[in-house]
């Protein structure tokens, strides 16, 4: 597979929205995004990151998705059944609409050049800069563990991910902007020290809705509060029934005052193509039980085609391996070419 040229990203703003990308020339971007394979994906991923990736793919954006399997041990000692989790996530990707003919999907561990790039990149940042990164601090606090070298240098690993494939656009939440700013810093400092090689990537701020879990906290694979994409209709119904609401009878959409009720309204609206306010007005005094019935029916209907597609894909024992092999070959070709340019710029090779 030939190495594609780096998309032109000259004179672009530091931060854009999805509509900015789709309204310009999507084919000139290369997106790098990804996930840590710590568990199966859930409806929060579907309505958030997966929907955005499918939209970018559909509009011709060169999309690269990394499964950061090395980063699983950032906040845990045991990786569990990592190959099985990777397989589950890839099946979720494909069932949600990612097309391996248009989107490159690969694992960290399959592309050594990504990690080789970390060494020169680490020389471009100080320990103090890494130590004060607010995202690293938040992740450390959430883990309850001592700060590991892997977590401390995670932003540099992300820089290697993005710059190895010459990514020009990175979808992030506002809280992840410091991570991406360090990637931009690495690119600029490398260029200043060794000559122009990298284009500082643009952040694409996510407008994806924040979907809470059944316990009222952010939906998370690790909290056990998620509605998994691979679950069946009965499991989905049980999860919705168990979701927290409040003591008020009349349903209203008030995200600040009634976050649990608002979250169920959001899920029902996303699954049925409506607005949360419209759904709240319809259910009104019928109460939480009626709301949960609506959300269950809407989610089961919305997820049925995805789950059928996933079950069909899972029957092929080779499909995930083939997707990852193709993705690794393309990502390695890009990363190897970048590493060669970096080493020449650093005068390590002639």
Protein backbone atom coordinates (compact mmCIF):
# COMPACT_ATOMS: atom_id res chain seq x y z
CA UNK A 1 0.00 0.00 0.00
CA UNK A 2 1.64 3.31 -1.00
CA UNK A 3 2.33 6.01 1.55
CA UNK A 4 -0.13 8.82 1.00
CA UNK A 5 1.22 12.37 0.95
CA UNK A 6 0.82 14.45 4.06
CA UNK A 7 -2.38 16.50 3.75
CA UNK A 8 -1.79 20.22 3.43
CA UNK A 9 -2.45 21.91 6.77
CA UNK A 10 -0.77 25.25 6.23
CA UNK A 11 -2.30 28.40 7.68
CA UNK A 12 -5.02 26.59 9.62
CA UNK A 13 -6.38 27.74 12.98
CA UNK A 14 -5.33 26.02 16.19
CA UNK A 15 -8.87 24.91 17.07
CA UNK A 16 -11.84 24.13 14.81
CA UNK A 17 -15.27 22.50 15.07
CA UNK A 18 -16.58 19.57 13.05
CA UNK A 19 -18.68 21.86 10.87
CA UNK A 20 -15.55 23.88 10.03
CA UNK A 21 -13.85 20.75 8.75
CA UNK A 22 -16.83 19.51 6.74
CA UNK A 23 -17.48 22.97 5.33
CA UNK A 24 -13.92 23.43 4.07
CA UNK A 25 -12.04 20.73 2.16
CA UNK A 26 -12.25 17.54 4.27
CA UNK A 27 -9.94 15.60 1.98
CA UNK A 28 -7.00 17.80 2.94
CA UNK A 29 -7.09 16.59 6.56
CA UNK A 30 -5.64 13.49 8.17
CA UNK A 31 -7.26 12.64 11.51
CA UNK A 32 -5.54 10.68 14.26
CA UNK A 33 -7.80 9.46 17.03
CA UNK A 34 -8.12 6.33 19.11
CA UNK A 35 -9.05 4.46 22.26
CA UNK A 36 -7.44 2.53 25.06
CA UNK A 37 -8.77 -1.04 24.78
CA UNK A 38 -9.72 -1.42 28.44
CA UNK A 39 -13.17 -2.85 27.81
CA UNK A 40 -16.05 -3.07 25.34
CA UNK A 41 -17.44 0.13 23.88
CA UNK A 42 -20.75 1.56 25.05
CA UNK A 43 -23.50 3.89 23.86
CA UNK A 44 -21.53 6.90 25.08
CA UNK A 45 -18.86 6.03 22.53
CA UNK A 46 -21.46 5.43 19.84
CA UNK A 47 -23.17 8.81 20.19
CA UNK A 48 -19.87 10.57 20.71
CA UNK A 49 -16.57 9.55 19.17
CA UNK A 50 -17.81 6.78 16.86
CA UNK A 51 -20.47 8.96 15.26
CA UNK A 52 -17.88 11.67 14.62
CA UNK A 53 -15.42 9.23 13.07
CA UNK A 54 -18.04 7.80 10.76
CA UNK A 55 -19.03 11.32 9.71
CA UNK A 56 -15.41 12.26 8.98
CA UNK A 57 -14.91 9.03 7.03
CA UNK A 58 -18.09 9.62 5.02
CA UNK A 59 -16.85 13.08 4.01
CA UNK A 60 -13.52 11.81 2.74
CA UNK A 61 -11.26 12.67 5.67
CA UNK A 62 -8.22 10.38 5.84
CA UNK A 63 -8.94 8.80 9.23
CA UNK A 64 -6.42 6.86 11.33
CA UNK A 65 -7.57 5.12 14.53
CA UNK A 66 -5.07 3.71 17.03
CA UNK A 67 -5.92 1.14 19.65
CA UNK A 68 -3.45 2.14 22.36
CA UNK A 69 -2.82 -1.31 23.78
CA UNK A 70 0.47 -0.26 25.42
CA UNK A 71 -1.41 2.46 27.30
CA UNK A 72 -3.73 -0.03 29.01
CA UNK A 73 -1.16 -0.38 31.81
CA UNK A 74 -1.11 3.37 32.46
CA UNK A 75 -3.41 2.93 35.45
CA UNK A 76 -3.54 -0.84 36.05
CA UNK A 77 -1.20 -3.80 36.52
CA UNK A 78 -3.30 -6.46 34.79
CA UNK A 79 -4.31 -6.05 31.16
CA UNK A 80 -6.86 -8.86 31.37
CA UNK A 81 -7.73 -10.54 28.08
CA UNK A 82 -6.20 -7.80 25.97
CA UNK A 83 -6.44 -9.65 22.61
CA UNK A 84 -10.09 -10.39 23.34
CA UNK A 85 -10.79 -6.77 24.26
CA UNK A 86 -9.07 -5.51 21.12
CA UNK A 87 -11.19 -7.90 19.07
CA UNK A 88 -14.37 -6.66 20.77
CA UNK A 89 -13.50 -3.02 20.13
CA UNK A 90 -12.69 -3.62 16.46
CA UNK A 91 -15.99 -5.44 16.00
CA UNK A 92 -17.74 -2.47 17.60
CA UNK A 93 -15.91 -0.12 15.21
CA UNK A 94 -16.93 -2.08 12.15
CA UNK A 95 -20.51 -2.55 13.29
CA UNK A 96 -20.82 1.19 13.95
CA UNK A 97 -19.75 1.98 10.39
CA UNK A 98 -15.98 2.36 10.27
CA UNK A 99 -14.82 0.98 6.91
CA UNK A 100 -11.29 -0.48 6.79
CA UNK A 101 -11.12 0.51 3.12
CA UNK A 102 -11.41 4.16 4.19
CA UNK A 103 -10.17 4.17 7.81
CA UNK A 104 -6.84 2.84 9.06
CA UNK A 105 -7.20 0.86 12.31
CA UNK A 106 -4.08 -0.40 14.09
CA UNK A 107 -2.65 -1.26 17.51
CA UNK A 108 0.24 0.55 19.20
CA UNK A 109 2.20 -2.65 19.59
CA UNK A 110 2.16 -3.38 15.86
CA UNK A 111 4.01 -0.21 14.79
CA UNK A 112 7.46 0.04 16.45
CA UNK A 113 8.37 3.32 14.73
CA UNK A 114 5.75 5.16 16.79
CA UNK A 115 7.61 4.32 19.98
CA UNK A 116 11.03 5.05 18.50
CA UNK A 117 9.83 8.58 17.83
CA UNK A 118 9.17 9.05 21.55
CA UNK A 119 12.91 9.21 22.30
CA UNK A 120 13.73 12.38 20.34
CA UNK A 121 10.38 13.86 21.32
CA UNK A 122 11.10 13.35 25.03
CA UNK A 123 14.24 15.45 24.62
CA UNK A 124 12.10 18.38 23.54
CA UNK A 125 10.02 18.74 26.72
CA UNK A 126 10.92 19.23 30.37
CA UNK A 127 9.81 17.16 33.34
CA UNK A 128 8.22 20.31 34.77
CA UNK A 129 6.07 20.71 31.64
CA UNK A 130 4.91 17.12 31.89
CA UNK A 131 4.34 17.32 35.62
CA UNK A 132 1.98 20.29 35.41
CA UNK A 133 -0.17 18.89 32.60
CA UNK A 134 -3.72 19.13 34.04
CA UNK A 135 -4.99 16.08 32.16
CA UNK A 136 -2.20 13.92 33.57
CA UNK A 137 -2.97 15.22 37.07
CA UNK A 138 -6.67 14.44 36.66
CA UNK A 139 -5.99 10.92 35.38
CA UNK A 140 -3.58 10.24 38.23
CA UNK A 141 -6.12 11.43 40.79
CA UNK A 142 -8.81 9.23 39.24
CA UNK A 143 -6.54 6.18 39.32
CA UNK A 144 -5.58 6.59 42.99
CA UNK A 145 -2.09 5.36 42.14
CA UNK A 146 1.38 6.85 42.30
CA UNK A 147 2.38 8.74 39.16
CA UNK A 148 4.12 6.31 36.83
CA UNK A 149 6.62 7.24 34.16
CA UNK A 150 4.18 5.94 31.57
CA UNK A 151 1.41 8.26 32.72
CA UNK A 152 3.80 11.19 33.08
CA UNK A 153 4.98 10.76 29.49
CA UNK A 154 1.56 9.89 28.07
CA UNK A 155 1.24 13.29 26.32
CA UNK A 156 4.54 12.62 24.52
CA UNK A 157 3.29 9.19 23.48
CA UNK A 158 0.23 10.90 22.08
CA UNK A 159 2.50 13.31 20.21
CA UNK A 160 4.29 10.32 18.70
CA UNK A 161 0.96 8.80 17.66
CA UNK A 162 -0.17 11.97 15.92
CA UNK A 163 3.10 13.03 14.33
CA UNK A 164 4.15 9.52 13.26
CA UNK A 165 1.32 9.47 10.70
CA UNK A 166 1.58 13.23 10.04
CA UNK A 167 -1.86 13.78 11.55
CA UNK A 168 -3.20 17.27 10.94
CA UNK A 169 -6.47 17.08 12.89
CA UNK A 170 -7.12 15.55 16.33
CA UNK A 171 -10.63 15.35 17.82
CA UNK A 172 -10.48 16.27 21.51
CA UNK A 173 -12.66 17.39 24.36
CA UNK A 174 -11.88 20.74 25.91
CA UNK A 175 -10.23 19.00 28.87
CA UNK A 176 -7.80 17.27 26.49
CA UNK A 177 -6.51 20.45 24.87
CA UNK A 178 -3.37 20.49 27.07
CA UNK A 179 -2.41 17.06 25.71
CA UNK A 180 -2.69 18.28 22.15
CA UNK A 181 -0.94 21.55 22.91
CA UNK A 182 2.07 19.52 23.97
CA UNK A 183 1.96 17.72 20.61
CA UNK A 184 1.99 21.10 18.93
CA UNK A 185 4.88 22.18 21.14
CA UNK A 186 6.88 19.07 20.21
CA UNK A 187 6.29 19.74 16.52
CA UNK A 188 7.37 23.37 16.77
CA UNK A 189 10.44 22.64 18.88
CA UNK A 190 11.58 19.84 16.59
CA UNK A 191 11.27 22.16 13.60
CA UNK A 192 13.19 24.91 15.40
CA UNK A 193 16.02 22.60 16.41
CA UNK A 194 16.37 20.40 13.32
CA UNK A 195 14.56 22.10 10.45
CA UNK A 196 10.96 22.00 9.29
CA UNK A 197 9.53 18.48 9.35
CA UNK A 198 6.17 18.66 11.14
CA UNK A 199 2.98 20.67 10.86
CA UNK A 200 1.45 21.41 14.26
CA UNK A 201 -1.93 19.62 14.23
CA UNK A 202 -5.25 21.37 14.66
CA UNK A 203 -7.59 20.48 17.52
CA UNK A 204 -11.15 19.65 16.54
CA UNK A 205 -13.26 20.36 19.61
CA UNK A 206 -15.87 17.71 20.13
CA UNK A 207 -19.52 18.71 20.31
CA UNK A 208 -20.46 15.15 21.24
CA UNK A 209 -23.00 14.92 24.06
CA UNK A 210 -21.78 13.78 27.47
CA UNK A 211 -23.66 10.58 28.22
CA UNK A 212 -23.86 9.63 31.89
CA UNK A 213 -23.86 6.08 33.14
CA UNK A 214 -26.64 4.32 34.99
CA UNK A 215 -25.23 5.56 38.32
CA UNK A 216 -25.29 9.24 37.31
CA UNK A 217 -21.53 9.48 36.77
CA UNK A 218 -19.83 9.70 33.37
CA UNK A 219 -20.44 6.49 31.44
CA UNK A 220 -17.24 4.49 31.69
CA UNK A 221 -16.04 1.00 30.88
CA UNK A 222 -14.23 0.81 34.21
CA UNK A 223 -17.14 1.97 36.43
CA UNK A 224 -19.55 -0.78 35.43
CA UNK A 225 -22.23 1.81 34.65
CA UNK A 226 -22.26 1.48 30.87
CA UNK A 227 -24.75 0.17 28.31
CA UNK A 228 -22.48 -1.88 26.09
CA UNK A 229 -22.88 -1.90 22.33
CA UNK A 230 -22.52 -5.68 22.27
CA UNK A 231 -25.23 -6.25 24.92
CA UNK A 232 -28.54 -7.81 23.96
CA UNK A 233 -31.96 -6.23 24.29
CA UNK A 234 -32.60 -7.75 27.73
CA UNK A 235 -29.32 -6.41 29.12
CA UNK A 236 -30.08 -2.98 27.70
CA UNK A 237 -33.54 -2.99 29.29
CA UNK A 238 -32.09 -4.06 32.65
CA UNK A 239 -29.49 -1.28 32.54
CA UNK A 240 -32.09 1.38 31.76
CA UNK A 241 -34.40 0.11 34.51
CA UNK A 242 -31.53 0.41 37.00
CA UNK A 243 -30.64 3.96 35.94
CA UNK A 244 -31.00 6.63 38.60
CA UNK A 245 -33.74 9.23 38.38
CA UNK A 246 -35.18 11.38 41.20
CA UNK A 247 -38.29 11.74 43.31
CA UNK A 248 -40.12 14.27 41.12
CA UNK A 249 -43.07 12.88 39.20
CA UNK A 250 -43.16 15.24 36.22
CA UNK A 251 -40.40 14.75 33.67
CA UNK A 252 -38.53 17.91 32.70
CA UNK A 253 -35.30 18.53 30.85
CA UNK A 254 -33.08 20.36 33.34
CA UNK A 255 -29.49 19.08 32.94
CA UNK A 256 -28.07 21.07 35.87
CA UNK A 257 -30.84 20.48 38.41
CA UNK A 258 -31.91 16.99 37.29
CA UNK A 259 -28.88 15.42 35.58
CA UNK A 260 -30.01 11.78 35.81
CA UNK A 261 -33.43 12.49 34.28
CA UNK A 262 -31.82 14.75 31.67
CA UNK A 263 -29.43 11.96 30.75
CA UNK A 264 -32.25 9.50 30.11
CA UNK A 265 -34.00 12.13 27.99
CA UNK A 266 -30.76 12.66 26.07
CA UNK A 267 -30.35 8.93 25.42
CA UNK A 268 -33.92 8.59 24.27
CA UNK A 269 -33.60 11.64 22.04
CA UNK A 270 -30.31 10.52 20.47
CA UNK A 271 -31.73 7.07 19.76
CA UNK A 272 -34.94 8.40 18.19
CA UNK A 273 -33.75 11.53 16.40
CA UNK A 274 -35.61 13.96 18.63
CA UNK A 275 -34.65 16.68 21.09
CA UNK A 276 -34.56 16.02 24.83
CA UNK A 277 -36.97 18.90 25.43
CA UNK A 278 -39.48 17.50 22.96
CA UNK A 279 -39.32 14.12 24.64
CA UNK A 280 -39.73 15.68 28.10
CA UNK A 281 -42.80 17.57 26.93
CA UNK A 282 -44.32 14.36 25.58
CA UNK A 283 -43.76 12.27 28.69
CA UNK A 284 -44.51 15.02 31.23
CA UNK A 285 -46.54 13.69 34.15
CA UNK A 286 -46.30 10.03 33.10
CA UNK A 287 -43.17 9.85 35.22
CA UNK A 288 -39.85 8.01 35.29
CA UNK A 289 -41.32 4.60 34.51
CA UNK A 290 -42.73 5.86 31.21
CA UNK A 291 -39.46 7.61 30.43
CA UNK A 292 -37.49 4.43 31.02
CA UNK A 293 -39.86 2.42 28.81
CA UNK A 294 -39.41 4.94 26.01
CA UNK A 295 -35.61 5.00 26.36
CA UNK A 296 -35.44 1.20 26.40
CA UNK A 297 -37.56 0.83 23.27
CA UNK A 298 -35.67 3.60 21.44
CA UNK A 299 -32.23 2.25 22.31
CA UNK A 300 -33.10 -1.35 21.47
CA UNK A 301 -34.51 -0.29 18.09
CA UNK A 302 -31.57 2.03 17.34
CA UNK A 303 -28.96 -0.56 18.29
CA UNK A 304 -30.63 -3.54 16.61
CA UNK A 305 -28.99 -3.09 13.16
CA UNK A 306 -25.57 -2.47 14.74
CA UNK A 307 -25.88 -5.54 16.94
CA UNK A 308 -27.01 -7.70 14.03
CA UNK A 309 -24.07 -6.49 11.96
CA UNK A 310 -21.70 -7.14 14.85
CA UNK A 311 -22.99 -10.69 15.31
CA UNK A 312 -22.51 -11.32 11.58
CA UNK A 313 -18.94 -10.00 11.67
CA UNK A 314 -18.10 -12.00 14.80
CA UNK A 315 -18.88 -15.24 12.96
CA UNK A 316 -15.85 -14.63 10.72
CA UNK A 317 -12.75 -15.66 12.72
CA UNK A 318 -10.43 -13.74 10.41
CA UNK A 319 -12.16 -10.40 10.01
CA UNK A 320 -10.53 -8.57 12.95
CA UNK A 321 -7.06 -9.94 12.20
CA UNK A 322 -7.36 -8.87 8.59
CA UNK A 323 -8.48 -5.35 9.52
CA UNK A 324 -5.64 -4.91 12.02
CA UNK A 325 -3.03 -6.34 9.64
CA UNK A 326 -4.08 -3.96 6.87
CA UNK A 327 -4.14 -1.06 9.29
CA UNK A 328 -0.76 -1.90 10.79
CA UNK A 329 0.81 -2.13 7.33
CA UNK A 330 -0.46 1.32 6.37
CA UNK A 331 0.38 2.90 9.76
CA UNK A 332 3.85 1.33 9.76
CA UNK A 333 4.54 2.63 6.28
CA UNK A 334 3.60 6.14 7.36
CA UNK A 335 5.48 5.93 10.67
CA UNK A 336 8.60 4.38 9.12
CA UNK A 337 8.73 7.17 6.56
CA UNK A 338 8.35 9.78 9.31
CA UNK A 339 11.06 8.17 11.42
CA UNK A 340 13.43 8.16 8.45
CA UNK A 341 12.83 11.87 7.89
CA UNK A 342 13.34 12.58 11.59
CA UNK A 343 16.62 10.68 11.71
CA UNK A 344 17.91 12.48 8.63
CA UNK A 345 16.92 15.85 10.11
CA UNK A 346 18.80 14.93 13.30
CA UNK A 347 21.81 13.86 11.17
CA UNK A 348 21.67 10.32 12.47
CA UNK A 349 21.64 9.01 8.92
CA UNK A 350 22.84 10.41 5.61
